[in-house]
PDB file of N, CA and C in Angstrom:
ATOM      1  N   MET A   1      32.534 -99.333  34.011  1.00  0.00           N
ATOM      2  CA  MET A   1      31.667 -99.002  35.079  1.00  0.00           C
ATOM      3  C   MET A   1      30.209 -99.476  34.524  1.00  0.00           C
ATOM      4  N   ILE A   2      29.968 -99.059  33.453  1.00  0.00           N
ATOM      5  CA  ILE A   2      28.555 -99.104  32.614  1.00  0.00           C
ATOM      6  C   ILE A   2      28.367-100.552  32.589  1.00  0.00           C
ATOM      7  N   ARG A   3      29.527-101.377  32.120  1.00  0.00           N
ATOM      8  CA  ARG A   3      29.242-102.729  31.797  1.00  0.00           C
ATOM      9  C   ARG A   3      28.998-103.610  32.976  1.00  0.00           C
ATOM     10  N   ASN A   4      29.560-103.003  34.265  1.00  0.00           N
ATOM     11  CA  ASN A   4      29.346-103.778  35.496  1.00  0.00           C
ATOM     12  C   ASN A   4      28.044-103.529  35.914  1.00  0.00           C
ATOM     13  N   ASN A   5      27.519-102.409  35.766  1.00  0.00           N
ATOM     14  CA  ASN A   5      26.008-102.292  36.282  1.00  0.00           C
ATOM     15  C   ASN A   5      24.998-102.424  35.434  1.00  0.00           C
ATOM     16  N   PHE A   6      25.300-102.266  34.092  1.00  0.00           N
ATOM     17  CA  PHE A   6      24.339-102.536  33.259  1.00  0.00           C
ATOM     18  C   PHE A   6      24.685-103.484  32.076  1.00  0.00           C
ATOM     19  N   PRO A   7      24.583-105.010  32.339  1.00  0.00           N
ATOM     20  CA  PRO A   7      25.510-105.809  31.403  1.00  0.00           C
ATOM     21  C   PRO A   7      24.613-105.926  30.155  1.00  0.00           C
ATOM     22  N   GLU A   8      23.461-105.511  29.895  1.00  0.00           N
ATOM     23  CA  GLU A   8      22.504-105.584  28.924  1.00  0.00           C
ATOM     24  C   GLU A   8      22.985-104.456  27.949  1.00  0.00           C
ATOM     25  N   ILE A   9      23.396-103.388  28.492  1.00  0.00           N
ATOM     26  CA  ILE A   9      23.633-102.353  27.424  1.00  0.00           C
ATOM     27  C   ILE A   9      25.095-102.535  26.793  1.00  0.00           C
ATOM     28  N   GLU A  10      25.055-102.492  25.466  1.00  0.00           N
ATOM     29  CA  GLU A  10      26.004-102.583  24.644  1.00  0.00           C
ATOM     30  C   GLU A  10      26.734-101.240  24.404  1.00  0.00           C
ATOM     31  N   VAL A  11      27.811-100.789  24.858  1.00  0.00           N
ATOM     32  CA  VAL A  11      28.476 -99.466  24.384  1.00  0.00           C
ATOM     33  C   VAL A  11      29.470 -99.557  23.500  1.00  0.00           C
ATOM     34  N   LEU A  12      29.520 -98.742  22.286  1.00  0.00           N
ATOM     35  CA  LEU A  12      30.424 -98.982  21.161  1.00  0.00           C
ATOM     36  C   LEU A  12      30.923 -97.237  21.283  1.00  0.00           C
ATOM     37  N   GLY A  13      32.190 -97.191  20.866  1.00  0.00           N
ATOM     38  CA  GLY A  13      32.486 -95.885  20.846  1.00  0.00           C
ATOM     39  C   GLY A  13      33.985 -95.870  20.431  1.00  0.00           C
ATOM     40  N   GLU A  14      34.518 -94.655  20.396  1.00  0.00           N
ATOM     41  CA  GLU A  14      36.053 -94.392  20.201  1.00  0.00           C
ATOM     42  C   GLU A  14      36.256 -93.068  20.823  1.00  0.00           C
ATOM     43  N   ASN A  15      37.669 -92.924  20.527  1.00  0.00           N
ATOM     44  CA  ASN A  15      37.953 -91.348  21.026  1.00  0.00           C
ATOM     45  C   ASN A  15      37.440 -90.314  20.328  1.00  0.00           C
ATOM     46  N   TYR A  16      36.857 -89.499  21.027  1.00  0.00           N
ATOM     47  CA  TYR A  16      36.564 -88.192  20.105  1.00  0.00           C
ATOM     48  C   TYR A  16      37.897 -87.396  19.601  1.00  0.00           C
ATOM     49  N   PRO A  17      38.086 -87.410  18.229  1.00  0.00           N
ATOM     50  CA  PRO A  17      39.228 -86.535  17.825  1.00  0.00           C
ATOM     51  C   PRO A  17      39.022 -85.051  18.163  1.00  0.00           C
ATOM     52  N   PRO A  18      40.159 -84.278  18.792  1.00  0.00           N
ATOM     53  CA  PRO A  18      40.090 -82.799  19.038  1.00  0.00           C
ATOM     54  C   PRO A  18      39.767 -82.176  17.622  1.00  0.00           C
ATOM     55  N   PRO A  19      39.318 -80.952  18.009  1.00  0.00           N
ATOM     56  CA  PRO A  19      38.974 -80.011  16.704  1.00  0.00           C
ATOM     57  C   PRO A  19      40.540 -79.723  16.254  1.00  0.00           C
ATOM     58  N   PRO A  20      40.917 -79.778  14.923  1.00  0.00           N
ATOM     59  CA  PRO A  20      42.144 -79.404  14.290  1.00  0.00           C
ATOM     60  C   PRO A  20      42.827 -78.212  15.028  1.00  0.00           C
ATOM     61  N   LEU A  21      42.215 -77.000  15.202  1.00  0.00           N
ATOM     62  CA  LEU A  21      42.908 -75.895  15.846  1.00  0.00           C
ATOM     63  C   LEU A  21      43.383 -76.381  17.240  1.00  0.00           C
ATOM     64  N   GLN A  22      42.469 -76.992  18.133  1.00  0.00           N
ATOM     65  CA  GLN A  22      43.072 -77.413  19.197  1.00  0.00           C
ATOM     66  C   GLN A  22      44.341 -78.223  19.284  1.00  0.00           C
ATOM     67  N   SER A  23      44.103 -79.350  18.438  1.00  0.00           N
ATOM     68  CA  SER A  23      45.291 -80.171  18.111  1.00  0.00           C
ATOM     69  C   SER A  23      46.503 -79.388  17.860  1.00  0.00           C
ATOM     70  N   TYR A  24      46.349 -78.448  16.708  1.00  0.00           N
ATOM     71  CA  TYR A  24      47.525 -77.784  16.466  1.00  0.00           C
ATOM     72  C   TYR A  24      48.164 -76.822  17.687  1.00  0.00           C
ATOM     73  N   MET A  25      47.238 -76.340  18.220  1.00  0.00           N
ATOM     74  CA  MET A  25      47.782 -75.435  19.455  1.00  0.00           C
ATOM     75  C   MET A  25      48.414 -76.350  20.410  1.00  0.00           C
ATOM     76  N   ALA A  26      47.901 -77.670  20.618  1.00  0.00           N
ATOM     77  CA  ALA A  26      48.622 -78.539  21.642  1.00  0.00           C
ATOM     78  C   ALA A  26      50.056 -78.960  21.132  1.00  0.00           C
ATOM     79  N   SER A  27      50.222 -79.180  19.821  1.00  0.00           N
ATOM     80  CA  SER A  27      51.722 -79.668  19.222  1.00  0.00           C
ATOM     81  C   SER A  27      52.321 -78.334  19.338  1.00  0.00           C
ATOM     82  N   ALA A  28      51.880 -77.034  19.132  1.00  0.00           N
ATOM     83  CA  ALA A  28      52.805 -75.805  19.085  1.00  0.00           C
ATOM     84  C   ALA A  28      53.175 -75.755  20.574  1.00  0.00           C
ATOM     85  N   LEU A  29      52.412 -75.854  21.439  1.00  0.00           N
ATOM     86  CA  LEU A  29      52.762 -75.734  22.839  1.00  0.00           C
ATOM     87  C   LEU A  29      53.754 -76.602  23.364  1.00  0.00           C
ATOM     88  N   GLY A  30      53.691 -78.082  22.770  1.00  0.00           N
ATOM     89  CA  GLY A  30      54.866 -78.926  23.046  1.00  0.00           C
ATOM     90  C   GLY A  30      56.066 -78.440  22.473  1.00  0.00           C
ATOM     91  N   TYR A  31      56.101 -78.094  20.962  1.00  0.00           N
ATOM     92  CA  TYR A  31      57.288 -77.690  20.610  1.00  0.00           C
ATOM     93  C   TYR A  31      58.044 -76.337  21.319  1.00  0.00           C
ATOM     94  N   PHE A  32      57.226 -75.452  21.692  1.00  0.00           N
ATOM     95  CA  PHE A  32      57.287 -74.215  22.283  1.00  0.00           C
ATOM     96  C   PHE A  32      58.220 -74.597  23.797  1.00  0.00           C
ATOM     97  N   LYS A  33      57.540 -75.651  24.407  1.00  0.00           N
ATOM     98  CA  LYS A  33      58.271 -76.163  25.694  1.00  0.00           C
ATOM     99  C   LYS A  33      59.760 -76.785  25.583  1.00  0.00           C
ATOM    100  N   ILE A  34      59.703 -77.480  24.415  1.00  0.00           N
ATOM    101  CA  ILE A  34      60.872 -78.049  23.988  1.00  0.00           C
ATOM    102  C   ILE A  34      61.954 -77.037  23.689  1.00  0.00           C
ATOM    103  N   ALA A  35      61.715 -75.931  22.844  1.00  0.00           N
ATOM    104  CA  ALA A  35      62.507 -74.871  22.196  1.00  0.00           C
ATOM    105  C   ALA A  35      63.061 -74.001  23.625  1.00  0.00           C
ATOM    106  N   LEU A  36      62.008 -73.745  24.549  1.00  0.00           N
ATOM    107  CA  LEU A  36      62.169 -72.921  25.669  1.00  0.00           C
ATOM    108  C   LEU A  36      63.369 -73.804  26.787  1.00  0.00           C
ATOM    109  N   ILE A  37      63.175 -74.929  26.609  1.00  0.00           N
ATOM    110  CA  ILE A  37      64.122 -75.846  27.527  1.00  0.00           C
ATOM    111  C   ILE A  37      65.321 -75.728  26.704  1.00  0.00           C
ATOM    112  N   LEU A  38      65.647 -75.867  25.710  1.00  0.00           N
ATOM    113  CA  LEU A  38      66.708 -75.790  25.017  1.00  0.00           C
ATOM    114  C   LEU A  38      67.314 -74.476  25.008  1.00  0.00           C
ATOM    115  N   CYS A  39      66.758 -73.404  25.018  1.00  0.00           N
ATOM    116  CA  CYS A  39      67.325 -71.972  25.396  1.00  0.00           C
ATOM    117  C   CYS A  39      67.759 -72.079  26.706  1.00  0.00           C
ATOM    118  N   ILE A  40      66.944 -72.345  27.573  1.00  0.00           N
ATOM    119  CA  ILE A  40      67.558 -72.236  28.939  1.00  0.00           C
ATOM    120  C   ILE A  40      68.645 -73.127  29.249  1.00  0.00           C
ATOM    121  N   VAL A  41      68.809 -74.449  28.665  1.00  0.00           N
ATOM    122  CA  VAL A  41      70.074 -75.177  28.874  1.00  0.00           C
ATOM    123  C   VAL A  41      71.271 -74.653  28.026  1.00  0.00           C
ATOM    124  N   SER A  42      70.971 -74.209  27.026  1.00  0.00           N
ATOM    125  CA  SER A  42      72.168 -73.509  26.308  1.00  0.00           C
ATOM    126  C   SER A  42      72.390 -72.045  26.693  1.00  0.00           C
ATOM    127  N   GLN A  43      71.753 -71.503  27.335  1.00  0.00           N
ATOM    128  CA  GLN A  43      71.822 -70.290  27.722  1.00  0.00           C
ATOM    129  C   GLN A  43      71.450 -69.141  26.633  1.00  0.00           C
ATOM    130  N   PHE A  44      70.681 -69.472  25.792  1.00  0.00           N
ATOM    131  CA  PHE A  44      70.642 -68.760  24.263  1.00  0.00           C
ATOM    132  C   PHE A  44      69.703 -67.549  24.816  1.00  0.00           C
ATOM    133  N   ASN A  45      70.119 -66.471  24.644  1.00  0.00           N
ATOM    134  CA  ASN A  45      69.152 -65.337  25.002  1.00  0.00           C
ATOM    135  C   ASN A  45      68.391 -64.806  23.616  1.00  0.00           C
ATOM    136  N   VAL A  46      67.083 -65.348  23.438  1.00  0.00           N
ATOM    137  CA  VAL A  46      66.305 -65.026  22.339  1.00  0.00           C
ATOM    138  C   VAL A  46      65.815 -63.589  22.168  1.00  0.00           C
ATOM    139  N   PHE A  47      65.959 -62.858  23.309  1.00  0.00           N
ATOM    140  CA  PHE A  47      65.570 -61.509  23.616  1.00  0.00           C
ATOM    141  C   PHE A  47      66.379 -60.620  22.982  1.00  0.00           C
ATOM    142  N   GLU A  48      67.663 -60.997  22.842  1.00  0.00           N
ATOM    143  CA  GLU A  48      69.065 -60.304  22.371  1.00  0.00           C
ATOM    144  C   GLU A  48      68.893 -59.781  21.000  1.00  0.00           C
ATOM    145  N   PRO A  49      68.795 -60.868  20.012  1.00  0.00           N
ATOM    146  CA  PRO A  49      68.540 -60.377  18.682  1.00  0.00           C
ATOM    147  C   PRO A  49      67.394 -59.587  18.315  1.00  0.00           C
ATOM    148  N   LEU A  50      66.312 -59.754  19.280  1.00  0.00           N
ATOM    149  CA  LEU A  50      65.114 -59.018  18.903  1.00  0.00           C
ATOM    150  C   LEU A  50      65.237 -57.617  19.482  1.00  0.00           C
ATOM    151  N   GLY A  51      66.337 -57.446  20.126  1.00  0.00           N
ATOM    152  CA  GLY A  51      66.537 -55.912  20.697  1.00  0.00           C
ATOM    153  C   GLY A  51      65.691 -55.682  21.798  1.00  0.00           C
ATOM    154  N   LEU A  52      65.214 -56.868  22.436  1.00  0.00           N
ATOM    155  CA  LEU A  52      64.185 -56.573  23.779  1.00  0.00           C
ATOM    156  C   LEU A  52      65.114 -57.109  25.109  1.00  0.00           C
ATOM    157  N   PRO A  53      64.696 -56.331  26.098  1.00  0.00           N
ATOM    158  CA  PRO A  53      65.592 -56.565  27.547  1.00  0.00           C
ATOM    159  C   PRO A  53      65.282 -58.252  27.847  1.00  0.00           C
ATOM    160  N   THR A  54      66.259 -58.712  28.511  1.00  0.00           N
ATOM    161  CA  THR A  54      65.970 -59.970  29.113  1.00  0.00           C
ATOM    162  C   THR A  54      65.160 -60.099  30.086  1.00  0.00           C
ATOM    163  N   PRO A  55      64.013 -60.773  30.332  1.00  0.00           N
ATOM    164  CA  PRO A  55      63.071 -60.959  31.252  1.00  0.00           C
ATOM    165  C   PRO A  55      63.890 -61.232  32.655  1.00  0.00           C
ATOM    166  N   GLN A  56      63.493 -60.960  33.698  1.00  0.00           N
ATOM    167  CA  GLN A  56      64.229 -61.403  35.007  1.00  0.00           C
ATOM    168  C   GLN A  56      63.986 -63.016  35.023  1.00  0.00           C
ATOM    169  N   VAL A  57      62.791 -63.587  34.695  1.00  0.00           N
ATOM    170  CA  VAL A  57      62.463 -64.913  34.870  1.00  0.00           C
ATOM    171  C   VAL A  57      63.567 -65.874  33.964  1.00  0.00           C
ATOM    172  N   MET A  58      63.893 -65.169  32.894  1.00  0.00           N
ATOM    173  CA  MET A  58      64.841 -65.892  31.986  1.00  0.00           C
ATOM    174  C   MET A  58      66.277 -66.035  32.492  1.00  0.00           C
ATOM    175  N   THR A  59      66.311 -64.899  33.105  1.00  0.00           N
ATOM    176  CA  THR A  59      68.054 -64.946  34.036  1.00  0.00           C
ATOM    177  C   THR A  59      67.768 -65.897  35.223  1.00  0.00           C
ATOM    178  N   TRP A  60      66.688 -65.896  36.041  1.00  0.00           N
ATOM    179  CA  TRP A  60      66.361 -66.853  37.006  1.00  0.00           C
ATOM    180  C   TRP A  60      66.326 -68.421  36.376  1.00  0.00           C
ATOM    181  N   ALA A  61      65.948 -68.623  35.319  1.00  0.00           N
ATOM    182  CA  ALA A  61      65.899 -70.036  34.666  1.00  0.00           C
ATOM    183  C   ALA A  61      67.256 -70.665  34.313  1.00  0.00           C
ATOM    184  N   TRP A  62      67.977 -69.496  33.849  1.00  0.00           N
ATOM    185  CA  TRP A  62      69.409 -69.855  33.292  1.00  0.00           C
ATOM    186  C   TRP A  62      70.136 -70.323  34.609  1.00  0.00           C
ATOM    187  N   GLU A  63      69.871 -69.575  35.827  1.00  0.00           N
ATOM    188  CA  GLU A  63      70.779 -69.977  37.131  1.00  0.00           C
ATOM    189  C   GLU A  63      70.283 -71.295  37.769  1.00  0.00           C
ATOM    190  N   ASN A  64      68.816 -71.646  37.367  1.00  0.00           N
ATOM    191  CA  ASN A  64      68.253 -72.726  37.898  1.00  0.00           C
ATOM    192  C   ASN A  64      67.654 -73.645  36.749  1.00  0.00           C
ATOM    193  N   LYS A  65      68.734 -74.184  35.835  1.00  0.00           N
ATOM    194  CA  LYS A  65      68.310 -74.937  34.892  1.00  0.00           C
ATOM    195  C   LYS A  65      67.391 -75.958  35.022  1.00  0.00           C
ATOM    196  N   LEU A  66      67.855 -76.930  35.957  1.00  0.00           N
ATOM    197  CA  LEU A  66      67.147 -78.280  36.283  1.00  0.00           C
ATOM    198  C   LEU A  66      65.493 -77.813  36.717  1.00  0.00           C
ATOM    199  N   TYR A  67      65.754 -76.904  37.701  1.00  0.00           N
ATOM    200  CA  TYR A  67      64.165 -76.813  38.531  1.00  0.00           C
ATOM    201  C   TYR A  67      63.300 -75.881  37.345  1.00  0.00           C
ATOM    202  N   ALA A  68      64.019 -75.103  36.472  1.00  0.00           N
ATOM    203  CA  ALA A  68      63.051 -74.311  35.530  1.00  0.00           C
ATOM    204  C   ALA A  68      62.386 -75.468  34.739  1.00  0.00           C
ATOM    205  N   SER A  69      63.541 -76.305  34.180  1.00  0.00           N
ATOM    206  CA  SER A  69      62.984 -77.358  33.033  1.00  0.00           C
ATOM    207  C   SER A  69      61.794 -78.114  33.581  1.00  0.00           C
ATOM    208  N   MET A  70      62.207 -78.617  34.633  1.00  0.00           N
ATOM    209  CA  MET A  70      60.875 -79.720  35.456  1.00  0.00           C
ATOM    210  C   MET A  70      59.780 -78.658  35.515  1.00  0.00           C
ATOM    211  N   MET A  71      59.904 -77.604  35.864  1.00  0.00           N
ATOM    212  CA  MET A  71      58.711 -76.635  35.928  1.00  0.00           C
ATOM    213  C   MET A  71      57.883 -76.679  34.565  1.00  0.00           C
ATOM    214  N   ILE A  72      58.842 -76.475  33.902  1.00  0.00           N
ATOM    215  CA  ILE A  72      58.047 -76.309  32.081  1.00  0.00           C
ATOM    216  C   ILE A  72      57.570 -77.588  31.938  1.00  0.00           C
ATOM    217  N   PHE A  73      58.158 -78.725  32.133  1.00  0.00           N
ATOM    218  CA  PHE A  73      57.309 -79.901  31.861  1.00  0.00           C
ATOM    219  C   PHE A  73      56.119 -80.153  32.721  1.00  0.00           C
ATOM    220  N   LYS A  74      56.297 -79.496  33.728  1.00  0.00           N
ATOM    221  CA  LYS A  74      54.989 -79.792  34.632  1.00  0.00           C
ATOM    222  C   LYS A  74      53.814 -79.439  34.145  1.00  0.00           C
ATOM    223  N   LEU A  75      53.992 -78.434  33.352  1.00  0.00           N
ATOM    224  CA  LEU A  75      52.570 -77.663  32.504  1.00  0.00           C
ATOM    225  C   LEU A  75      52.373 -78.573  31.524  1.00  0.00           C
ATOM    226  N   ARG A  76      51.210 -79.220  31.560  1.00  0.00           N
ATOM    227  CA  ARG A  76      50.794 -80.164  30.482  1.00  0.00           C
ATOM    228  C   ARG A  76      50.311 -79.635  29.393  1.00  0.00           C
ATOM    229  N   SER A  77      50.654 -80.272  28.235  1.00  0.00           N
ATOM    230  CA  SER A  77      50.499 -79.751  26.766  1.00  0.00           C
ATOM    231  C   SER A  77      48.998 -79.780  26.738  1.00  0.00           C
ATOM    232  N   GLY A  78      48.369 -78.735  26.025  1.00  0.00           N
ATOM    233  CA  GLY A  78      46.754 -78.696  25.672  1.00  0.00           C
ATOM    234  C   GLY A  78      45.958 -78.074  26.551  1.00  0.00           C
ATOM    235  N   ARG A  79      46.560 -77.731  27.601  1.00  0.00           N
ATOM    236  CA  ARG A  79      45.531 -76.894  28.383  1.00  0.00           C
ATOM    237  C   ARG A  79      46.581 -76.181  29.302  1.00  0.00           C
ATOM    238  N   PRO A  80      45.874 -74.974  29.950  1.00  0.00           N
ATOM    239  CA  PRO A  80      46.563 -74.124  30.957  1.00  0.00           C
ATOM    240  C   PRO A  80      46.690 -74.802  32.139  1.00  0.00           C
ATOM    241  N   PRO A  81      47.513 -74.665  33.084  1.00  0.00           N
ATOM    242  CA  PRO A  81      47.674 -74.996  34.234  1.00  0.00           C
ATOM    243  C   PRO A  81      46.401 -74.626  35.283  1.00  0.00           C
ATOM    244  N   SER A  82      45.896 -75.485  36.106  1.00  0.00           N
ATOM    245  CA  SER A  82      44.784 -75.433  36.811  1.00  0.00           C
ATOM    246  C   SER A  82      45.229 -74.388  37.795  1.00  0.00           C
ATOM    247  N   ALA A  83      44.531 -73.748  38.637  1.00  0.00           N
ATOM    248  CA  ALA A  83      44.524 -72.717  39.657  1.00  0.00           C
ATOM    249  C   ALA A  83      45.417 -73.418  40.739  1.00  0.00           C
ATOM    250  N   ASN A  84      45.335 -74.418  41.293  1.00  0.00           N
ATOM    251  CA  ASN A  84      46.007 -75.082  42.192  1.00  0.00           C
ATOM    252  C   ASN A  84      47.597 -75.253  41.548  1.00  0.00           C
ATOM    253  N   GLU A  85      47.630 -75.690  40.480  1.00  0.00           N
ATOM    254  CA  GLU A  85      48.909 -76.021  39.784  1.00  0.00           C
ATOM    255  C   GLU A  85      49.755 -74.660  39.669  1.00  0.00           C
ATOM    256  N   LEU A  86      49.033 -73.521  39.223  1.00  0.00           N
ATOM    257  CA  LEU A  86      49.608 -72.298  39.053  1.00  0.00           C
ATOM    258  C   LEU A  86      50.089 -71.784  40.506  1.00  0.00           C
ATOM    259  N   TYR A  87      49.141 -71.933  41.420  1.00  0.00           N
ATOM    260  CA  TYR A  87      49.679 -71.410  42.766  1.00  0.00           C
ATOM    261  C   TYR A  87      50.828 -72.257  43.343  1.00  0.00           C
ATOM    262  N   GLU A  88      50.990 -73.579  43.045  1.00  0.00           N
ATOM    263  CA  GLU A  88      51.925 -74.573  43.485  1.00  0.00           C
ATOM    264  C   GLU A  88      53.159 -74.018  42.925  1.00  0.00           C
ATOM    265  N   ILE A  89      53.257 -73.652  41.617  1.00  0.00           N
ATOM    266  CA  ILE A  89      54.315 -73.156  40.826  1.00  0.00           C
ATOM    267  C   ILE A  89      54.811 -71.718  41.292  1.00  0.00           C
ATOM    268  N   LEU A  90      53.951 -71.012  41.393  1.00  0.00           N
ATOM    269  CA  LEU A  90      54.308 -69.681  41.654  1.00  0.00           C
ATOM    270  C   LEU A  90      55.120 -69.653  43.181  1.00  0.00           C
ATOM    271  N   ASN A  91      54.150 -70.460  44.003  1.00  0.00           N
ATOM    272  CA  ASN A  91      54.496 -70.519  45.607  1.00  0.00           C
ATOM    273  C   ASN A  91      55.936 -70.896  45.458  1.00  0.00           C
ATOM    274  N   SER A  92      56.445 -72.277  45.138  1.00  0.00           N
ATOM    275  CA  SER A  92      57.572 -72.885  44.965  1.00  0.00           C
ATOM    276  C   SER A  92      58.637 -71.841  44.473  1.00  0.00           C
ATOM    277  N   GLN A  93      58.380 -71.147  43.447  1.00  0.00           N
ATOM    278  CA  GLN A  93      59.404 -70.172  42.817  1.00  0.00           C
ATOM    279  C   GLN A  93      59.632 -69.122  43.675  1.00  0.00           C
ATOM    280  N   SER A  94      58.454 -68.316  44.433  1.00  0.00           N
ATOM    281  CA  SER A  94      58.371 -67.381  45.243  1.00  0.00           C
ATOM    282  C   SER A  94      59.423 -67.793  46.663  1.00  0.00           C
ATOM    283  N   ALA A  95      59.242 -69.185  46.802  1.00  0.00           N
ATOM    284  CA  ALA A  95      60.015 -69.339  48.105  1.00  0.00           C
ATOM    285  C   ALA A  95      61.428 -69.857  47.771  1.00  0.00           C
ATOM    286  N   ALA A  96      61.679 -70.197  46.611  1.00  0.00           N
ATOM    287  CA  ALA A  96      63.183 -70.504  46.039  1.00  0.00           C
ATOM    288  C   ALA A  96      63.876 -69.040  46.011  1.00  0.00           C
ATOM    289  N   ALA A  97      63.152 -68.178  45.465  1.00  0.00           N
ATOM    290  CA  ALA A  97      63.773 -66.720  45.071  1.00  0.00           C
ATOM    291  C   ALA A  97      64.002 -66.035  46.670  1.00  0.00           C
ATOM    292  N   SER A  98      63.281 -66.079  47.444  1.00  0.00           N
ATOM    293  CA  SER A  98      63.261 -65.714  48.776  1.00  0.00           C
ATOM    294  C   SER A  98      64.242 -66.199  49.422  1.00  0.00           C
ATOM    295  N   ALA A  99      64.551 -67.454  49.357  1.00  0.00           N
ATOM    296  CA  ALA A  99      65.693 -67.920  50.191  1.00  0.00           C
ATOM    297  C   ALA A  99      66.920 -67.788  49.592  1.00  0.00           C
ATOM    298  N   SER A 100      66.998 -67.651  48.161  1.00  0.00           N
ATOM    299  CA  SER A 100      68.370 -67.231  47.474  1.00  0.00           C
ATOM    300  C   SER A 100      68.677 -65.628  47.822  1.00  0.00           C
ATOM    301  N   PHE A 101      67.670 -64.954  47.761  1.00  0.00           N
ATOM    302  CA  PHE A 101      67.796 -63.545  48.270  1.00  0.00           C
ATOM    303  C   PHE A 101      68.205 -63.214  49.577  1.00  0.00           C
ATOM    304  N   THR A 102      67.529 -64.007  50.710  1.00  0.00           N
ATOM    305  CA  THR A 102      68.166 -64.119  51.962  1.00  0.00           C
ATOM    306  C   THR A 102      69.509 -64.750  52.165  1.00  0.00           C
ATOM    307  N   LYS A 103      69.783 -65.540  51.418  1.00  0.00           N
ATOM    308  CA  LYS A 103      71.055 -66.309  51.608  1.00  0.00           C
ATOM    309  C   LYS A 103      72.273 -65.169  51.022  1.00  0.00           C
ATOM    310  N   ILE A 104      71.958 -64.411  49.949  1.00  0.00           N
ATOM    311  CA  ILE A 104      72.884 -63.569  49.381  1.00  0.00           C
ATOM    312  C   ILE A 104      73.170 -62.461  50.174  1.00  0.00           C
ATOM    313  N   HIS A 105      72.115 -61.812  50.885  1.00  0.00           N
ATOM    314  CA  HIS A 105      72.000 -60.529  51.603  1.00  0.00           C
ATOM    315  C   HIS A 105      71.920 -60.671  53.008  1.00  0.00           C
ATOM    316  N   GLN A 106      72.570 -61.888  53.622  1.00  0.00           N
ATOM    317  CA  GLN A 106      72.629 -61.753  55.055  1.00  0.00           C
ATOM    318  C   GLN A 106      73.855 -61.214  55.379  1.00  0.00           C
ATOM    319  N   SER A 107      73.634 -60.448  56.539  1.00  0.00           N
ATOM    320  CA  SER A 107      74.909 -59.694  57.071  1.00  0.00           C
ATOM    321  C   SER A 107      75.699 -60.662  57.697  1.00  0.00           C
ATOM    322  N   PRO A 108      77.043 -60.546  57.740  1.00  0.00           N
ATOM    323  CA  PRO A 108      77.968 -61.384  58.384  1.00  0.00           C
ATOM    324  C   PRO A 108      77.913 -61.389  59.704  1.00  0.00           C
ATOM    325  N   PRO A 109      78.123 -62.400  60.636  1.00  0.00           N
ATOM    326  CA  PRO A 109      77.704 -62.160  62.088  1.00  0.00           C
ATOM    327  C   PRO A 109      78.819 -61.154  62.858  1.00  0.00           C
ATOM    328  N   LYS A 110      78.003 -60.507  63.686  1.00  0.00           N
ATOM    329  CA  LYS A 110      78.931 -59.284  64.289  1.00  0.00           C
ATOM    330  C   LYS A 110      79.991 -59.864  65.300  1.00  0.00           C
ATOM    331  N   SER A 111      81.171 -59.532  65.236  1.00  0.00           N
ATOM    332  CA  SER A 111      82.195 -59.967  66.140  1.00  0.00           C
ATOM    333  C   SER A 111      82.223 -58.817  67.286  1.00  0.00           C
ATOM    334  N   HIS A 112      82.233 -59.453  68.685  1.00  0.00           N
ATOM    335  CA  HIS A 112      82.324 -58.764  69.654  1.00  0.00           C
ATOM    336  C   HIS A 112      83.854 -58.777  70.397  1.00  0.00           C
ATOM    337  N   ALA A 113      84.411 -57.334  70.087  1.00  0.00           N
ATOM    338  CA  ALA A 113      85.582 -57.219  70.627  1.00  0.00           C
ATOM    339  C   ALA A 113      85.756 -56.825  72.111  1.00  0.00           C
ATOM    340  N   ALA A 114      86.520 -57.433  72.700  1.00  0.00           N
ATOM    341  CA  ALA A 114      86.458 -57.207  74.313  1.00  0.00           C
ATOM    342  C   ALA A 114      87.580 -56.091  74.502  1.00  0.00           C
TER     343      ALA A 114
END
């Protein structure tokens, strides 16, 4: 854009390297996401050996492996999700949980005996 509008200006530059701490945090987040997906796919309960109760979200993830894995990869490494992304994730998970609850707890149709 600058070259098109100001051809007489020469722009020299390169990518600015991130600070080491942020770079390490981004890498750690990427490894954490892969480890979390492996735990979900293999149904490994990391909380049990630690003597902690299994969170409900982990149980949900085991029941919905593909969807949970896709949601984890949707979160981009190196930054937290934006407000819109977080709202979209929570809204879709809430809708899925609500639909599942409704399907399980629907009462059978009443038969009318004559």
